[in-house]
Protein backbone atom coordinates (compact mmCIF):
# COMPACT_ATOMS: atom_id res chain seq x y z
CA MET A 1 47.74 35.85 -21.13
CA ASN A 2 49.82 39.09 -20.77
CA SER A 3 51.48 40.72 -23.58
CA SER A 4 54.81 40.30 -21.85
CA LEU A 5 55.96 37.83 -19.22
CA ASN A 6 58.87 38.42 -16.86
CA THR A 7 60.48 34.87 -16.27
CA ASP A 8 63.22 34.43 -13.56
CA THR A 9 65.72 34.62 -16.40
CA ALA A 10 64.85 36.01 -19.72
CA PRO A 11 61.88 37.99 -21.19
CA LEU A 12 59.29 36.75 -23.45
CA TYR A 13 57.56 39.01 -25.75
CA LEU A 14 54.25 39.42 -27.69
CA SER A 15 53.94 42.07 -30.14
CA TYR A 16 50.03 41.49 -30.96
CA PRO A 17 46.94 40.80 -28.98
CA ALA A 18 46.55 37.78 -26.83
CA LEU A 19 44.10 35.19 -28.11
CA ALA A 20 41.19 34.53 -25.89
CA GLU A 21 41.03 30.80 -26.85
CA PRO A 22 44.30 29.76 -28.37
CA ALA A 23 44.72 26.27 -29.78
CA GLY A 24 47.88 26.26 -27.71
CA PHE A 25 51.16 28.19 -27.09
CA ILE A 26 54.40 28.34 -29.08
CA VAL A 27 57.66 29.56 -27.61
CA ILE A 28 59.86 30.69 -30.50
CA CYS A 29 63.54 30.50 -30.21
CA PRO A 30 65.22 32.57 -33.06
CA GLY A 31 68.58 31.59 -34.57
CA GLY A 32 71.75 33.51 -34.83
CA GLY A 33 74.56 31.11 -33.82
CA TYR A 34 74.32 32.21 -30.35
CA GLU A 35 75.69 35.56 -31.34
CA PHE A 36 72.47 37.47 -31.84
CA LEU A 37 68.63 36.84 -32.32
CA SER A 38 67.50 36.82 -35.91
CA PRO A 39 64.59 39.14 -36.58
CA ARG A 40 63.55 37.15 -39.56
CA GLU A 41 62.98 34.10 -37.18
CA SER A 42 61.32 36.21 -34.57
CA THR A 43 58.22 38.42 -35.32
CA PRO A 44 57.34 37.12 -38.80
CA VAL A 45 57.17 33.50 -37.49
CA ALA A 46 55.27 34.64 -34.37
CA GLU A 47 52.63 36.52 -36.51
CA ALA A 48 52.26 33.49 -38.72
CA PHE A 49 51.34 31.20 -35.68
CA TRP A 50 49.16 33.96 -34.29
CA ALA A 51 47.31 34.17 -37.64
CA ALA A 52 46.71 30.41 -37.27
CA GLY A 53 45.19 30.61 -33.85
CA TRP A 54 48.35 29.69 -31.80
CA GLN A 55 49.47 32.01 -29.08
CA PRO A 56 53.23 32.78 -29.78
CA PHE A 57 55.94 34.14 -27.57
CA VAL A 58 59.45 35.08 -28.61
CA LEU A 59 62.06 34.21 -26.18
CA GLN A 60 64.94 36.70 -25.87
CA TYR A 61 67.40 34.21 -24.73
CA THR A 62 70.92 35.21 -23.78
CA THR A 63 73.68 35.09 -26.59
CA GLY A 64 77.52 35.61 -26.42
CA GLN A 65 80.30 33.27 -25.20
CA GLN A 66 80.79 30.93 -22.30
CA LEU A 67 76.88 30.48 -22.16
CA GLY A 68 76.83 26.89 -20.87
CA ASN A 69 73.32 25.91 -20.07
CA LYS A 70 71.96 29.46 -19.69
CA PRO A 71 69.81 29.57 -22.88
CA LEU A 72 68.24 26.25 -21.90
CA LEU A 73 67.55 27.30 -18.48
CA GLU A 74 65.87 30.54 -19.83
CA LEU A 75 63.57 28.46 -22.08
CA ALA A 76 62.60 26.23 -19.39
CA ALA A 77 61.75 29.14 -17.16
CA ALA A 78 59.70 30.67 -19.94
CA VAL A 79 57.73 27.30 -20.33
CA ARG A 80 57.10 27.24 -16.73
CA GLN A 81 55.80 30.75 -16.59
CA ILE A 82 53.38 30.15 -19.52
CA ARG A 83 52.15 26.99 -18.05
CA LYS A 84 51.42 28.77 -14.65
CA GLN A 85 49.70 31.56 -16.51
CA ALA A 86 47.67 29.04 -18.57
CA GLN A 87 46.61 27.40 -15.38
CA LEU A 88 45.44 30.68 -13.75
CA ALA A 89 43.55 31.42 -17.09
CA GLY A 90 41.80 28.01 -17.01
CA GLN A 91 43.89 26.74 -19.95
CA SER A 92 45.82 24.13 -18.42
CA ASP A 93 44.66 21.67 -21.04
CA LYS A 94 46.48 23.79 -23.81
CA PRO A 95 49.68 22.32 -25.22
CA ILE A 96 52.86 24.14 -25.20
CA PHE A 97 55.31 23.69 -28.04
CA VAL A 98 58.88 25.02 -28.41
CA CYS A 99 59.98 26.21 -31.91
CA GLY A 100 63.57 26.89 -32.70
CA PHE A 101 65.48 27.99 -35.75
CA SER A 102 69.28 26.98 -36.20
CA ALA A 103 70.97 27.76 -32.75
CA GLY A 104 67.43 28.32 -31.54
CA GLY A 105 66.67 24.85 -32.55
CA HIS A 106 69.58 23.81 -30.28
CA VAL A 107 67.78 25.71 -27.46
CA ALA A 108 64.52 24.04 -28.14
CA ALA A 109 65.92 20.56 -28.59
CA SER A 110 68.07 20.95 -25.46
CA LEU A 111 64.95 21.41 -23.38
CA GLY A 112 63.47 18.38 -25.21
CA VAL A 113 66.17 16.01 -24.23
CA HIS A 114 67.44 17.52 -20.81
CA TRP A 115 64.10 18.68 -19.33
CA ASN A 116 64.29 15.92 -16.69
CA ASP A 117 67.99 16.15 -16.05
CA LEU A 118 68.20 16.24 -12.12
CA LYS A 119 71.79 17.42 -12.42
CA LEU A 120 70.40 20.57 -14.11
CA PHE A 121 67.08 20.99 -12.38
CA SER A 122 66.45 20.60 -8.77
CA ALA A 123 65.07 17.40 -7.63
CA GLU A 124 62.35 19.25 -5.87
CA ALA A 125 61.35 21.21 -8.90
CA GLU A 126 58.14 20.35 -10.70
CA LEU A 127 59.65 19.09 -13.87
CA ASP A 128 56.51 18.66 -15.80
CA LEU A 129 55.96 22.43 -15.59
CA HIS A 130 58.71 22.98 -17.96
CA LYS A 131 58.47 19.84 -20.13
CA PRO A 132 57.36 21.00 -23.60
CA THR A 133 54.31 19.06 -25.29
CA GLY A 134 56.39 18.97 -28.42
CA LEU A 135 59.25 20.44 -30.42
CA ILE A 136 59.44 22.23 -33.71
CA LEU A 137 62.97 22.24 -35.01
CA CYS A 138 63.82 24.22 -38.24
CA TYR A 139 67.38 23.60 -39.52
CA PRO A 140 68.49 22.98 -36.04
CA VAL A 141 71.95 22.91 -34.64
CA ILE A 142 71.95 19.32 -33.00
CA SER A 143 75.38 17.79 -32.85
CA ALA A 144 78.72 18.76 -31.22
CA GLY A 145 80.46 15.95 -33.43
CA LYS A 146 81.43 15.51 -37.00
CA TYR A 147 78.48 17.72 -38.28
CA ALA A 148 78.57 20.45 -35.64
CA HIS A 149 78.03 24.20 -36.32
CA GLN A 150 81.44 24.87 -34.43
CA ALA A 151 80.63 28.50 -33.67
CA SER A 152 77.41 27.68 -31.95
CA ILE A 153 78.99 24.71 -29.84
CA ALA A 154 81.98 27.06 -29.08
CA ALA A 155 79.68 29.67 -27.78
CA LEU A 156 78.10 27.38 -25.31
CA ALA A 157 81.18 25.34 -24.13
CA GLY A 158 84.22 27.34 -24.89
CA GLN A 159 87.25 24.98 -24.55
CA GLU A 160 85.29 22.85 -21.99
CA ASP A 161 83.75 19.34 -22.75
CA THR A 162 81.07 19.72 -25.55
CA SER A 163 79.47 16.16 -25.07
CA TYR A 164 76.48 17.54 -23.19
CA PHE A 165 75.49 19.78 -26.14
CA SER A 166 75.53 16.83 -28.63
CA LEU A 167 71.75 16.37 -28.31
CA GLU A 168 71.36 13.26 -30.54
CA ASN A 169 73.02 11.21 -27.69
CA TYR A 170 70.48 12.35 -25.14
CA ILE A 171 67.31 11.34 -26.81
CA ASN A 172 65.28 8.84 -24.68
CA THR A 173 61.75 7.61 -24.15
CA ALA A 174 60.87 10.83 -22.36
CA THR A 175 61.79 13.13 -25.28
CA PRO A 176 58.65 14.91 -26.67
CA PRO A 177 57.16 14.37 -30.17
CA THR A 178 59.11 16.40 -32.66
CA PHE A 179 58.48 18.05 -36.13
CA LEU A 180 61.74 18.72 -38.04
CA TRP A 181 62.88 20.34 -41.36
CA HIS A 182 65.79 21.11 -43.13
CA THR A 183 67.26 21.52 -46.79
CA MET A 184 69.89 19.13 -48.11
CA THR A 185 72.20 22.01 -49.42
CA ASP A 186 72.47 23.91 -46.20
CA GLU A 187 76.11 24.63 -46.07
CA THR A 188 75.97 26.41 -42.53
CA VAL A 189 74.29 23.75 -40.47
CA PRO A 190 74.45 20.20 -42.35
CA VAL A 191 71.24 18.38 -42.81
CA GLN A 192 72.83 15.51 -41.03
CA ASN A 193 71.95 17.41 -37.70
CA THR A 194 68.34 16.87 -38.40
CA MET A 195 68.90 13.26 -39.68
CA LEU A 196 70.81 12.37 -36.50
CA PHE A 197 67.98 13.67 -34.15
CA ALA A 198 65.32 12.02 -36.32
CA SER A 199 67.22 8.67 -36.10
CA GLY A 200 67.30 8.94 -32.25
CA LEU A 201 63.69 9.72 -32.10
CA ILE A 202 62.88 6.77 -34.36
CA LYS A 203 65.09 4.51 -32.15
CA PHE A 204 63.09 5.19 -29.08
CA ASN A 205 59.59 5.27 -30.87
CA ILE A 206 59.08 9.00 -30.44
CA PRO A 207 56.38 10.27 -32.78
CA THR A 208 58.07 12.46 -35.46
CA GLU A 209 57.52 14.03 -38.75
CA VAL A 210 60.47 15.08 -40.83
CA HIS A 211 60.79 17.16 -43.98
CA ILE A 212 63.94 17.29 -46.02
CA TYR A 213 63.83 19.70 -48.92
CA PRO A 214 66.25 19.12 -51.91
CA ALA A 215 67.59 22.70 -52.10
CA GLY A 216 67.70 25.84 -50.30
CA PRO A 217 70.30 27.90 -48.08
CA HIS A 218 70.51 28.06 -44.25
CA GLY A 219 68.24 30.50 -42.65
CA LEU A 220 65.10 30.53 -44.82
CA SER A 221 62.58 31.08 -41.90
CA LEU A 222 59.26 31.00 -43.51
CA ALA A 223 60.61 30.98 -46.94
CA THR A 224 58.26 33.64 -48.00
CA GLU A 225 58.56 36.97 -49.72
CA ALA A 226 58.24 38.75 -46.22
CA VAL A 227 61.58 37.19 -44.98
CA ALA A 228 63.54 37.00 -48.17
CA GLU A 229 67.08 38.21 -48.19
CA PRO A 230 68.24 38.24 -51.90
CA GLU A 231 71.56 39.76 -50.95
CA LYS A 232 72.32 36.45 -48.87
CA GLY A 233 70.73 34.15 -51.52
CA ARG A 234 67.60 33.52 -49.39
CA PHE A 235 64.66 33.89 -51.84
CA ALA A 236 60.98 32.99 -51.37
CA ASP A 237 60.55 29.36 -52.14
CA PRO A 238 56.89 28.15 -52.32
CA HIS A 239 57.91 24.47 -51.95
CA VAL A 240 60.05 24.99 -48.76
CA ALA A 241 57.41 27.52 -47.45
CA GLY A 242 55.21 24.42 -47.30
CA TRP A 243 56.86 23.41 -43.96
CA PHE A 244 54.58 25.85 -42.11
CA ARG A 245 51.37 24.31 -43.62
CA GLU A 246 52.71 20.85 -42.77
CA CYS A 247 53.66 22.06 -39.28
CA LEU A 248 50.08 23.40 -38.65
CA GLU A 249 48.60 20.05 -39.94
CA TRP A 250 50.91 18.24 -37.35
CA LEU A 251 49.81 20.54 -34.56
CA ALA A 252 46.19 20.27 -35.37
CA ASN A 253 46.26 16.50 -35.39
CA PHE A 254 48.49 16.26 -32.13
CA LYS A 255 47.10 14.19 -29.34
CA ILE A 256 48.13 15.02 -25.74
CA LYS A 257 48.82 12.08 -23.76
CA GLU A 258 47.11 12.11 -20.43
């Protein structure tokens, strides 16, 4: 794989060597409330996956206002490009996961529930090219309802109808398997966002693993010393940091359905 990939919408970046035989590919969508892309949820996370044998990419999706479905379309284009490159490299059997934090979790989950929406993607498009093998959602923005992170939803919809961005209502039998984690004391994105998505997955018998930690602020990323922000109350937390180990175990045992 190349060190950078030019999609037809947004760039993907690698800041370290490509793995010759990766276990699979991870597209990381940092958080930032659709206002910016968090550095703490970008390179440190990518380096952790790379060290574990998974080839990561960081998606520089568009932020700002009146975004609509642009971030979702950018992620779909990224997954398509990676899958095409993998096919050319003889690695078409490798899984492709999308991993999102906070608003980036909304981007990732949006692709998970809307990947086959023919109102969004051309009927002639090869939908399977951008369908992720699975989702990794870290304290994700999910709902546009009672528990919404209002700033994120407003950045997407503005004053328009927000219903398309309330992702718990679009889970169906085609939604990919999902790994989720959140903290109960998250005051920015309520834990109910994760619970709503998990409940929908259970309803449709979608394989899922959910970790709810008893304490911790929003935006912990890896919850290690490397990403600590004491000035914002984000300290290393070995218990919460266990999410990454649990995620790797989930990935290692993942069975691709033919």
